[in-house]
Protein backbone atom coordinates (compact mmCIF):
# COMPACT_ATOMS: atom_id res chain seq x y z
CA MET A 1 -4.08 3.11 175.03
CA LYS A 2 -5.25 6.56 174.11
CA PRO A 3 -5.34 8.02 177.91
CA SER A 4 -1.41 6.64 178.88
CA ILE A 5 -0.49 8.68 175.37
CA ALA A 6 -2.04 11.79 176.60
CA ARG A 7 -0.61 11.02 180.08
CA ILE A 8 3.35 10.62 178.07
CA LEU A 9 2.50 13.71 176.29
CA ARG A 10 1.39 16.06 179.18
CA LYS A 11 4.40 14.90 181.24
CA TYR A 12 7.38 14.76 178.41
CA GLY A 13 6.12 16.61 175.34
CA GLN A 14 6.47 20.04 174.52
CA THR A 15 4.54 22.91 174.74
CA VAL A 16 3.63 23.92 170.59
CA LYS A 17 0.94 25.65 168.74
CA VAL A 18 -1.28 23.71 165.86
CA ASN A 19 -2.76 26.70 163.82
CA GLY A 20 -3.00 28.53 167.03
CA THR A 21 -3.91 26.56 169.35
CA GLU A 22 -1.96 25.49 172.04
CA THR A 23 -1.29 21.93 172.79
CA ARG A 24 1.46 18.85 173.85
CA ALA A 25 3.55 17.18 171.39
CA PHE A 26 7.08 15.54 170.53
CA ILE A 27 8.77 17.47 167.95
CA GLN A 28 12.42 16.63 166.95
CA PRO A 29 14.37 16.42 163.42
CA ALA A 30 14.05 13.30 161.06
CA ARG A 31 17.06 11.27 160.66
CA GLU A 32 17.71 11.14 157.35
CA LYS A 33 21.20 8.76 156.74
CA GLU A 34 21.93 10.12 153.38
CA LYS A 35 22.27 13.63 153.85
CA ALA A 36 25.88 14.68 154.97
CA ALA A 37 24.67 17.89 156.31
CA PRO A 38 21.41 19.47 157.83
CA PHE A 39 21.40 22.57 155.04
CA GLU A 40 21.28 23.29 151.08
CA VAL A 41 23.69 25.60 150.00
CA SER A 42 21.31 28.32 147.81
CA SER A 43 22.80 31.52 145.93
CA LEU A 44 21.04 33.48 149.09
CA GLY A 45 23.02 31.42 151.31
CA ALA A 46 22.54 28.19 153.82
CA VAL A 47 19.37 27.25 153.91
CA ASP A 48 18.44 24.47 156.61
CA ASP A 49 16.25 21.64 154.79
CA ARG A 50 15.69 19.28 157.16
CA LYS A 51 12.61 17.31 158.06
CA TRP A 52 11.42 17.57 161.21
CA MET A 53 9.02 14.99 162.93
CA TYR A 54 5.71 15.65 164.89
CA LEU A 55 4.10 13.27 167.20
CA GLY A 56 0.96 14.42 169.23
CA GLU A 57 -2.70 14.02 169.61
CA THR A 58 -3.88 17.13 167.99
CA GLU A 59 -4.96 16.29 164.45
CA LEU A 60 -3.02 17.79 161.42
CA LYS A 61 -4.08 18.14 157.68
CA LEU A 62 -1.77 19.08 154.93
CA GLY A 63 -0.41 22.47 155.16
CA ASP A 64 -1.38 22.94 158.64
CA ARG A 65 0.90 25.39 160.61
CA VAL A 66 3.43 24.12 163.51
CA GLU A 67 4.70 26.78 165.99
CA PHE A 68 7.40 25.28 168.71
CA ARG A 69 10.18 27.51 170.11
CA GLY A 70 9.79 30.37 168.00
CA ARG A 71 9.60 29.06 164.69
CA GLY A 72 6.98 27.73 162.07
CA TYR A 73 6.68 24.80 160.18
CA THR A 74 3.96 23.25 157.69
CA VAL A 75 3.12 19.90 157.64
CA ARG A 76 4.00 18.00 154.54
CA SER A 77 2.50 14.55 154.74
CA CYS A 78 0.33 13.83 158.39
CA GLU A 79 -1.73 10.56 159.18
CA SER A 80 -3.64 9.01 162.11
CA VAL A 81 -1.85 5.89 163.89
CA HIS A 82 -4.25 3.53 165.32
CA ILE A 83 -4.49 0.30 167.44
CA GLY A 84 -7.83 -1.66 166.82
CA ASP A 85 -10.24 1.34 165.56
CA GLU A 86 -8.98 3.75 167.75
CA ILE A 87 -6.63 6.77 166.86
CA VAL A 88 -4.17 7.07 169.48
CA TYR A 89 -1.75 9.44 167.84
CA TRP A 90 -1.00 11.51 165.08
CA TRP A 91 2.29 11.43 162.91
CA ALA A 92 3.39 13.99 160.44
CA SER A 93 6.78 15.21 158.51
CA LEU A 94 7.10 19.28 159.16
CA THR A 95 9.40 21.68 157.26
CA ALA A 96 10.24 24.83 158.60
CA GLU A 97 8.67 27.86 157.26
CA ARG A 98 11.32 29.97 155.60
CA GLU A 99 12.78 33.48 157.28
CA ALA A 100 11.77 36.15 155.41
CA ALA A 101 14.52 38.37 154.18
CA GLU A 102 15.62 41.30 155.70
């Protein structure tokens, strides 16, 4: 099963960096039914508060940094997904790093 996942990631996945190392994964916004808008308004303006989902072969830990399309994300939760005793991929929930105020 793991070779099949690797083939899918090579063919259809996106190029990302996990802690500075390039790999392939799927990154997309996590769907949240209860939210009307994908942002929160604060005294400093609107802030994107969407969660992002990661699926990939590279092992992640809480607090790891993922870079995708020029933006940084922090791992807020993660776990390995198994078939039998084998880890076939890693799932993670990411939050976008806040831009530094200029």
